């Protein structure tokens, strides 16, 4: 994660800690960390064999950062979607950059 990304995760963790006390005990909530990539295939010779693995690693790195800021692991789920849920289908560098992302969703277990 970049320094800017770490700062943003710290903000999210603070919001989660603030909100968690307002959630009734009977609600089994989790923060779902979804990793996404662009549609450019990986060579398979680097750290990740494909975009699916890369998206999962992105989600895990954010989850680990959230844990460093006090979010319990049992309240998180890391998911990778690879290139299969783009937010922009255009064939441009800007669209590919928008598709390389993390989404956080507060949901029930």
C-alpha atoms as a PDB file:
ATOM      1  CA  UNK A   1       0.000   0.000   0.000  1.00  0.00           C
ATOM      2  CA  UNK A   2       1.163   3.491  -0.771  1.00  0.00           C
ATOM      3  CA  UNK A   3       1.557   6.051   2.004  1.00  0.00           C
ATOM      4  CA  UNK A   4      -1.634   7.726   0.816  1.00  0.00           C
ATOM      5  CA  UNK A   5      -3.425   4.364   0.835  1.00  0.00           C
ATOM      6  CA  UNK A   6      -2.285   3.699   4.382  1.00  0.00           C
ATOM      7  CA  UNK A   7      -3.636   7.084   5.485  1.00  0.00           C
ATOM      8  CA  UNK A   8      -6.989   6.311   3.884  1.00  0.00           C
ATOM      9  CA  UNK A   9      -7.128   2.888   5.552  1.00  0.00           C
ATOM     10  CA  UNK A  10      -6.393   4.565   8.902  1.00  0.00           C
ATOM     11  CA  UNK A  11      -9.403   6.864   8.332  1.00  0.00           C
ATOM     12  CA  UNK A  12     -11.635   3.925   7.441  1.00  0.00           C
ATOM     13  CA  UNK A  13     -10.468   1.982  10.499  1.00  0.00           C
ATOM     14  CA  UNK A  14     -11.328   4.936  12.738  1.00  0.00           C
ATOM     15  CA  UNK A  15     -14.799   5.180  11.189  1.00  0.00           C
ATOM     16  CA  UNK A  16     -15.305   1.428  11.692  1.00  0.00           C
ATOM     17  CA  UNK A  17     -14.219   1.614  15.327  1.00  0.00           C
ATOM     18  CA  UNK A  18     -16.620   4.530  15.885  1.00  0.00           C
ATOM     19  CA  UNK A  19     -19.544   2.800  14.161  1.00  0.00           C
ATOM     20  CA  UNK A  20     -18.946  -0.647  15.692  1.00  0.00           C
ATOM     21  CA  UNK A  21     -20.086   0.499  19.120  1.00  0.00           C
ATOM     22  CA  UNK A  22     -23.444   1.548  17.633  1.00  0.00           C
ATOM     23  CA  UNK A  23     -24.117  -1.816  15.966  1.00  0.00           C
ATOM     24  CA  UNK A  24     -26.356  -4.046  18.093  1.00  0.00           C
ATOM     25  CA  UNK A  25     -24.597  -7.089  19.561  1.00  0.00           C
ATOM     26  CA  UNK A  26     -26.936  -9.523  17.783  1.00  0.00           C
ATOM     27  CA  UNK A  27     -25.791  -8.314  14.349  1.00  0.00           C
ATOM     28  CA  UNK A  28     -22.780 -10.313  13.153  1.00  0.00           C
ATOM     29  CA  UNK A  29     -21.153  -7.651  10.963  1.00  0.00           C
ATOM     30  CA  UNK A  30     -18.036  -7.883   8.828  1.00  0.00           C
ATOM     31  CA  UNK A  31     -16.148  -5.488   6.631  1.00  0.00           C
ATOM     32  CA  UNK A  32     -15.772  -7.106   3.219  1.00  0.00           C
ATOM     33  CA  UNK A  33     -12.556  -6.086   1.467  1.00  0.00           C
ATOM     34  CA  UNK A  34     -12.896  -6.673  -2.279  1.00  0.00           C
ATOM     35  CA  UNK A  35      -9.845  -6.500  -4.529  1.00  0.00           C
ATOM     36  CA  UNK A  36     -10.114  -5.782  -8.275  1.00  0.00           C
ATOM     37  CA  UNK A  37      -7.685  -5.488 -11.177  1.00  0.00           C
ATOM     38  CA  UNK A  38      -7.684  -4.216 -14.729  1.00  0.00           C
ATOM     39  CA  UNK A  39      -7.980  -6.631 -17.651  1.00  0.00           C
ATOM     40  CA  UNK A  40      -4.328  -6.658 -18.685  1.00  0.00           C
ATOM     41  CA  UNK A  41      -3.092 -10.258 -18.373  1.00  0.00           C
ATOM     42  CA  UNK A  42      -0.091 -10.892 -16.151  1.00  0.00           C
ATOM     43  CA  UNK A  43       2.898 -12.767 -17.526  1.00  0.00           C
ATOM     44  CA  UNK A  44       2.704 -15.381 -14.777  1.00  0.00           C
ATOM     45  CA  UNK A  45       6.410 -14.953 -14.129  1.00  0.00           C
ATOM     46  CA  UNK A  46       6.105 -12.376 -11.345  1.00  0.00           C
ATOM     47  CA  UNK A  47       4.779 -12.639  -7.835  1.00  0.00           C
ATOM     48  CA  UNK A  48       1.265 -13.421  -9.117  1.00  0.00           C
ATOM     49  CA  UNK A  49       0.244 -15.953 -11.750  1.00  0.00           C
ATOM     50  CA  UNK A  50      -2.852 -14.008 -12.814  1.00  0.00           C
ATOM     51  CA  UNK A  51      -5.123 -11.073 -12.030  1.00  0.00           C
ATOM     52  CA  UNK A  52      -7.241 -13.187  -9.714  1.00  0.00           C
ATOM     53  CA  UNK A  53      -4.269 -13.820  -7.417  1.00  0.00           C
ATOM     54  CA  UNK A  54      -3.274 -10.145  -7.611  1.00  0.00           C
ATOM     55  CA  UNK A  55      -6.774  -9.011  -6.615  1.00  0.00           C
ATOM     56  CA  UNK A  56      -6.779 -11.383  -3.653  1.00  0.00           C
ATOM     57  CA  UNK A  57      -3.385 -10.100  -2.550  1.00  0.00           C
ATOM     58  CA  UNK A  58      -4.658  -6.521  -2.786  1.00  0.00           C
ATOM     59  CA  UNK A  59      -7.602  -7.366  -0.551  1.00  0.00           C
ATOM     60  CA  UNK A  60      -5.398  -9.195   1.955  1.00  0.00           C
ATOM     61  CA  UNK A  61      -2.940  -6.295   2.183  1.00  0.00           C
ATOM     62  CA  UNK A  62      -5.773  -3.897   3.025  1.00  0.00           C
ATOM     63  CA  UNK A  63      -7.192  -6.359   5.539  1.00  0.00           C
ATOM     64  CA  UNK A  64      -3.799  -6.665   7.244  1.00  0.00           C
ATOM     65  CA  UNK A  65      -3.523  -2.883   7.382  1.00  0.00           C
ATOM     66  CA  UNK A  66      -6.999  -2.618   8.931  1.00  0.00           C
ATOM     67  CA  UNK A  67      -5.909  -5.156  11.544  1.00  0.00           C
ATOM     68  CA  UNK A  68      -2.883  -2.997  12.387  1.00  0.00           C
ATOM     69  CA  UNK A  69      -5.358  -0.204  13.117  1.00  0.00           C
ATOM     70  CA  UNK A  70      -7.373  -2.353  15.494  1.00  0.00           C
ATOM     71  CA  UNK A  71     -10.039  -4.013  13.348  1.00  0.00           C
ATOM     72  CA  UNK A  72     -10.325  -7.658  14.497  1.00  0.00           C
ATOM     73  CA  UNK A  73      -9.687 -10.342  11.881  1.00  0.00           C
ATOM     74  CA  UNK A  74     -12.974 -12.052  12.773  1.00  0.00           C
ATOM     75  CA  UNK A  75     -14.737  -8.890  11.552  1.00  0.00           C
ATOM     76  CA  UNK A  76     -13.123  -8.971   8.095  1.00  0.00           C
ATOM     77  CA  UNK A  77     -13.297 -10.933   4.871  1.00  0.00           C
ATOM     78  CA  UNK A  78     -10.830 -10.621   1.951  1.00  0.00           C
ATOM     79  CA  UNK A  79     -12.143 -11.360  -1.528  1.00  0.00           C
ATOM     80  CA  UNK A  80     -10.540 -11.150  -4.967  1.00  0.00           C
ATOM     81  CA  UNK A  81     -12.517 -10.594  -8.147  1.00  0.00           C
ATOM     82  CA  UNK A  82      -9.708 -10.152 -10.659  1.00  0.00           C
ATOM     83  CA  UNK A  83     -10.783  -8.271 -13.770  1.00  0.00           C
ATOM     84  CA  UNK A  84     -14.306  -9.685 -13.743  1.00  0.00           C
ATOM     85  CA  UNK A  85     -16.198  -6.776 -12.134  1.00  0.00           C
ATOM     86  CA  UNK A  86     -14.942  -3.641 -13.893  1.00  0.00           C
ATOM     87  CA  UNK A  87     -16.408  -0.234 -13.132  1.00  0.00           C
ATOM     88  CA  UNK A  88     -15.283   1.071 -16.523  1.00  0.00           C
ATOM     89  CA  UNK A  89     -15.264  -1.068 -19.687  1.00  0.00           C
ATOM     90  CA  UNK A  90     -13.459   1.457 -21.882  1.00  0.00           C
ATOM     91  CA  UNK A  91     -10.160   0.401 -23.451  1.00  0.00           C
ATOM     92  CA  UNK A  92      -8.118   3.297 -22.061  1.00  0.00           C
ATOM     93  CA  UNK A  93      -5.380   3.725 -19.474  1.00  0.00           C
ATOM     94  CA  UNK A  94      -7.754   5.810 -17.351  1.00  0.00           C
ATOM     95  CA  UNK A  95     -10.422   3.084 -17.371  1.00  0.00           C
ATOM     96  CA  UNK A  96      -7.887   0.418 -16.462  1.00  0.00           C
ATOM     97  CA  UNK A  97      -6.670   2.599 -13.572  1.00  0.00           C
ATOM     98  CA  UNK A  98     -10.254   2.953 -12.263  1.00  0.00           C
ATOM     99  CA  UNK A  99     -10.661  -0.824 -12.363  1.00  0.00           C
ATOM    100  CA  UNK A 100      -7.566  -1.378 -10.189  1.00  0.00           C
ATOM    101  CA  UNK A 101      -9.245  -0.792  -6.864  1.00  0.00           C
ATOM    102  CA  UNK A 102     -10.336  -1.943  -3.442  1.00  0.00           C
ATOM    103  CA  UNK A 103     -13.951  -1.749  -2.342  1.00  0.00           C
ATOM    104  CA  UNK A 104     -14.993  -1.922   1.302  1.00  0.00           C
ATOM    105  CA  UNK A 105     -18.472  -3.059   2.248  1.00  0.00           C
ATOM    106  CA  UNK A 106     -19.953  -3.227   5.707  1.00  0.00           C
ATOM    107  CA  UNK A 107     -22.319  -6.193   5.719  1.00  0.00           C
ATOM    108  CA  UNK A 108     -23.669  -9.024   7.827  1.00  0.00           C
ATOM    109  CA  UNK A 109     -21.834 -12.326   8.107  1.00  0.00           C
END
